[in-house]
Each structure stands twice: as structure tokens, then as C-alpha cells.
Protein backbone atom coordinates (compact mmCIF):
# COMPACT_ATOMS: atom_id res chain seq x y z
CA MET A 1 43.92 -19.54 -20.40
CA ASP A 2 43.90 -21.14 -23.84
CA PRO A 3 47.25 -20.36 -25.53
CA GLU A 4 45.62 -21.01 -28.92
CA ASN A 5 43.17 -18.15 -28.41
CA PRO A 6 44.39 -15.22 -30.58
CA ILE A 7 43.75 -12.62 -27.86
CA VAL A 8 45.62 -14.69 -25.27
CA ALA A 9 48.45 -15.10 -27.82
CA LEU A 10 48.63 -11.33 -28.34
CA CYS A 11 48.77 -10.74 -24.58
CA THR A 12 51.45 -13.43 -24.21
CA ASP A 13 53.49 -11.66 -26.89
CA GLY A 14 52.90 -8.40 -25.02
CA MET A 15 54.25 -9.93 -21.82
CA ARG A 16 57.34 -11.15 -23.70
CA ALA A 17 57.87 -7.64 -25.04
CA GLU A 18 57.48 -6.24 -21.51
CA VAL A 19 60.05 -8.67 -20.11
CA ALA A 20 62.41 -7.80 -22.98
CA GLY A 21 62.23 -4.12 -22.00
CA ARG A 22 59.98 -2.99 -24.87
CA PRO A 23 57.02 -1.37 -23.04
CA GLU A 24 55.76 0.49 -26.13
CA ASP A 25 55.53 -2.77 -28.09
CA ALA A 26 53.81 -4.43 -25.12
CA HIS A 27 51.24 -1.64 -24.89
CA ALA A 28 50.59 -1.82 -28.64
CA LEU A 29 49.99 -5.59 -28.43
CA PHE A 30 47.62 -5.23 -25.47
CA THR A 31 45.75 -2.45 -27.27
CA LYS A 32 45.43 -4.63 -30.36
CA ALA A 33 44.09 -7.44 -28.16
CA TRP A 34 41.44 -5.08 -26.76
CA GLU A 35 40.47 -3.75 -30.18
CA THR A 36 40.11 -7.22 -31.71
CA ALA A 37 38.43 -9.01 -28.77
CA ARG A 38 35.35 -10.84 -29.98
CA ASP A 39 33.53 -11.51 -26.71
CA ASP A 40 33.48 -10.65 -23.01
CA TYR A 41 36.07 -13.30 -22.12
CA GLU A 42 38.60 -11.97 -24.62
CA ALA A 43 37.83 -8.37 -23.62
CA CYS A 44 38.37 -9.35 -19.97
CA VAL A 45 41.81 -10.78 -20.75
CA ALA A 46 42.83 -7.76 -22.84
CA ALA A 47 41.58 -5.25 -20.26
CA HIS A 48 43.60 -6.99 -17.54
CA TYR A 49 46.82 -6.48 -19.48
CA LEU A 50 45.91 -2.94 -20.55
CA ALA A 51 45.34 -2.03 -16.89
CA ARG A 52 48.96 -2.94 -16.15
CA HIS A 53 50.18 -0.34 -18.65
CA GLN A 54 48.36 2.74 -17.38
CA ASP A 55 50.20 5.73 -15.96
CA THR A 56 47.56 6.98 -13.53
CA ALA A 57 45.58 5.39 -10.73
CA GLU A 58 42.37 6.65 -12.36
CA ASP A 59 43.21 4.88 -15.63
CA ARG A 60 44.21 1.72 -13.76
CA ARG A 61 40.91 1.87 -11.90
CA PHE A 62 39.01 2.31 -15.16
CA TRP A 63 40.63 -0.67 -16.92
CA ASN A 64 40.43 -2.95 -13.90
CA ALA A 65 36.75 -2.05 -13.46
CA GLU A 66 36.22 -2.82 -17.16
CA CYS A 67 37.98 -6.15 -16.68
CA LEU A 68 35.79 -6.98 -13.67
CA ALA A 69 32.62 -6.04 -15.53
CA ARG A 70 33.59 -8.29 -18.44
CA ALA A 71 34.45 -11.15 -16.08
CA ASP A 72 31.02 -10.78 -14.47
CA GLN A 73 29.45 -10.99 -17.93
CA VAL A 74 31.36 -14.22 -18.67
CA GLY A 75 30.31 -15.71 -15.33
CA ASP A 76 31.84 -19.17 -15.76
CA ASP A 77 34.89 -21.18 -14.71
CA ARG A 78 37.12 -19.54 -17.32
CA VAL A 79 37.29 -16.39 -15.20
CA ALA A 80 36.85 -17.77 -11.67
CA ALA A 81 40.56 -17.54 -10.84
CA PHE A 82 40.74 -13.95 -12.17
CA TYR A 83 38.72 -12.50 -9.30
CA PRO A 84 41.36 -12.31 -6.54
CA SER A 85 43.72 -10.42 -8.84
CA LEU A 86 40.95 -8.21 -10.26
CA HIS A 87 39.79 -7.15 -6.81
CA LEU A 88 43.36 -6.64 -5.58
CA ASN A 89 44.12 -4.39 -8.54
CA LEU A 90 40.94 -2.40 -7.99
CA ALA A 91 41.68 -2.12 -4.28
CA ARG A 92 45.13 -0.68 -4.97
CA ALA A 93 43.76 1.77 -7.53
CA HIS A 94 41.06 2.99 -5.11
CA ALA A 95 43.64 3.25 -2.31
CA ASP A 96 45.90 5.32 -4.59
CA LEU A 97 42.92 7.57 -5.31
CA GLY A 98 42.27 8.00 -1.58
CA ASP A 99 39.01 6.02 -1.53
CA THR A 100 39.76 3.79 1.45
CA GLU A 101 36.18 2.52 1.77
CA ARG A 102 36.07 1.16 -1.78
CA ALA A 103 39.62 -0.12 -1.45
CA ARG A 104 38.62 -2.11 1.65
CA HIS A 105 35.58 -3.51 -0.16
CA HIS A 106 37.78 -4.85 -2.96
CA TYR A 107 40.37 -6.27 -0.54
CA GLU A 108 37.52 -8.12 1.18
CA GLN A 109 36.23 -9.37 -2.17
CA ALA A 110 39.71 -10.56 -3.10
CA ALA A 111 39.85 -12.49 0.18
CA ALA A 112 36.43 -14.02 -0.50
CA HIS A 113 37.68 -15.40 -3.84
CA LEU A 114 41.07 -16.73 -2.69
CA ASP A 115 39.79 -20.30 -2.66
CA THR A 116 39.58 -20.20 -6.47
CA LEU A 117 43.39 -20.21 -6.62
CA PRO A 118 45.55 -23.33 -6.29
CA PRO A 119 48.11 -23.49 -3.48
CA GLY A 120 51.45 -21.97 -4.40
CA PRO A 121 53.56 -18.80 -4.44
CA TYR A 122 51.02 -16.70 -6.37
CA THR A 123 48.28 -17.53 -3.87
CA ASP A 124 50.64 -16.76 -0.99
CA TRP A 125 51.48 -13.43 -2.61
CA ALA A 126 47.79 -12.61 -3.06
CA ARG A 127 47.01 -13.54 0.56
CA TYR A 128 49.85 -11.34 1.85
CA ALA A 129 48.72 -8.43 -0.34
CA ILE A 130 45.17 -8.75 0.98
CA VAL A 131 46.31 -8.89 4.60
CA ASP A 132 48.52 -5.86 4.06
CA GLY A 133 45.68 -3.96 2.41
CA LEU A 134 43.26 -4.73 5.24
CA ARG A 135 45.74 -3.84 7.96
CA ALA A 136 44.68 -0.73 9.88
CA PRO A 137 46.66 2.41 9.05
CA GLY A 138 48.84 4.03 11.66
CA ALA A 139 51.74 2.98 13.82
CA ASP A 140 52.80 -0.62 13.26
CA PRO A 141 55.57 -1.77 15.61
CA VAL A 142 55.94 -5.13 13.86
CA ARG A 143 56.52 -3.48 10.48
CA GLU A 144 59.03 -1.14 12.11
CA LEU A 145 60.74 -4.14 13.71
CA ALA A 146 60.94 -5.85 10.30
CA GLU A 147 62.48 -2.72 8.79
CA ARG A 148 65.11 -2.61 11.53
CA LEU A 149 65.89 -6.31 11.13
CA CYS A 150 66.27 -5.66 7.41
CA ALA A 151 68.63 -2.75 8.03
CA ARG A 152 70.74 -4.98 10.31
CA ARG A 153 70.52 -7.86 7.79
CA ASP A 154 69.25 -10.17 10.49
CA LEU A 155 67.94 -12.74 8.02
CA ARG A 156 67.27 -15.46 10.60
CA SER A 157 64.94 -13.21 12.60
CA LEU A 158 63.27 -11.95 9.42
CA ALA A 159 62.70 -15.53 8.23
CA LEU A 160 60.79 -16.19 11.46
CA LEU A 161 58.89 -12.92 11.57
CA LEU A 162 57.72 -12.28 8.01
CA PRO A 163 55.55 -15.38 7.34
CA ALA A 164 53.59 -14.87 10.56
CA TYR A 165 53.25 -11.11 10.01
CA ALA A 166 52.37 -11.26 6.31
CA GLY A 167 49.91 -14.09 6.84
CA ALA A 168 48.17 -12.32 9.73
CA ASP A 169 48.56 -15.42 11.90
CA ARG A 170 48.22 -13.72 15.28
CA GLU A 171 48.99 -16.80 17.39
CA ARG A 172 52.11 -17.63 15.39
CA LEU A 173 53.17 -13.97 15.39
CA THR A 174 52.88 -13.80 19.18
CA THR A 175 55.05 -16.92 19.52
CA VAL A 176 57.67 -15.51 17.14
CA LEU A 177 57.75 -12.17 18.95
CA HIS A 178 58.33 -13.97 22.27
CA LEU A 179 61.16 -15.98 20.69
CA LEU A 180 62.78 -12.88 19.23
CA HIS A 181 62.41 -10.98 22.52
CA ALA A 182 64.31 -13.77 24.26
CA SER A 183 67.23 -13.56 21.81
CA PRO A 184 70.40 -12.26 23.50
CA ASP A 185 71.46 -10.56 20.24
CA LEU A 186 68.44 -8.28 19.94
CA PRO A 187 69.11 -4.57 20.58
CA GLU A 188 67.01 -2.92 23.29
CA ASP A 189 65.15 -0.61 20.89
CA GLU A 190 63.89 -3.68 19.02
CA ARG A 191 62.84 -5.31 22.30
CA VAL A 192 60.78 -2.19 23.03
CA LEU A 193 59.02 -2.56 19.68
CA ILE A 194 58.25 -6.19 20.47
CA ARG A 195 56.82 -5.32 23.87
CA THR A 196 54.65 -2.69 22.19
CA ALA A 197 53.41 -5.23 19.64
CA LEU A 198 52.66 -8.05 22.06
CA PRO A 199 49.07 -8.38 23.24
CA THR A 200 48.54 -7.31 26.85
CA GLY A 201 46.71 -9.29 29.49
């Protein structure tokens, strides 16, 4: 984003206010950015930041949908890297509203746009959020294992487990689970979880 753009500058000031613990000032700056946006690109940027400051899932859905609509109107490279975040935010809002079908659609769209992001921590975070969102609901022995490892502060085991689990790398996860199962320090209840999680056959 162009830091010289007045709408981007307002949103940057809003983020500074947010970090400084002044949410009312941040909201006022984002609102001013929205009200003074001159085109779809600027409106897209302002709507993105306004969406962050909404109290309800319905309002977050509204502002993220507005942001996506404006990005679609821009339709050029200036907004290409916005799409993973836009779809993730919409997916979360729809999930919070109980609309799992629309949430899944937006998680899938976020995944389809991941290649617009450069490698790095933000892209890793987005990938993990997408994988988590697409994971089937219900019992998850690997998540339960991670929670137990956390409770025991077994950082070495967590360091092995979490990248494979969060990245949905099934082959790597299977290898890690076998390694953990072989550890002499693992309690039996955690071994049971691992046996439940391992593929059969």
C-alpha cells in the first residue's frame, strides 16, 4: 500500500492508535478514512480496517463483504494480496453466524488466493488459519494431544507436532505421531490419543 495515499495514512494512524490502546480514536480514524475515500481502492482499504472494529459477527460480515466487493471493483494488482485475508475474515464471520457452508466457501477461496502472498510468517499464519477452518468438526485426537502437551509444558513434543498439524501435512504428521508414540516419557493416555489419530491399515 502507498503510504503517501491519504486514506492509507489515516488507517496507519488508526493502527497506531489501536496499538497505543486508544480504540475509540482508531475507530474514528477508520471511519474518517471510509467517509473520505475517493475510489474503490481507498474504500476497500478503509472497509478492511472498519471491519476489524465491529462488535458483532453480522457487522464484521457486512464490512468484510463491502471490502471484498470494492476489491473486486478495483480488479488489479493493488488488491491481489488482499484476497486471502478478505476471504478468511468473511469465513470467520460466517462461521460465527452459524453459516458453515458459506464459511467453507470463503476458506476455500482464501486457499485459492494464497499464492498471491510472499513466503513468510503472515502467509504461514494464513495457511494455518485456512487449514483449521477447513478441518472437519468433531472429535480431534491430535488437537487434544496438543492441549495435553501444552498443559504438561512439553515444548519439544509441541515443536514437532504443531507445524505438521497446523500445515495439514498428513505424511509428516504421521511420522511425528510415530516418533512421539515411541517416546518413553509419554503418558499412556497420550499414547492412546496417538493410536486413535494414526491412520489404520
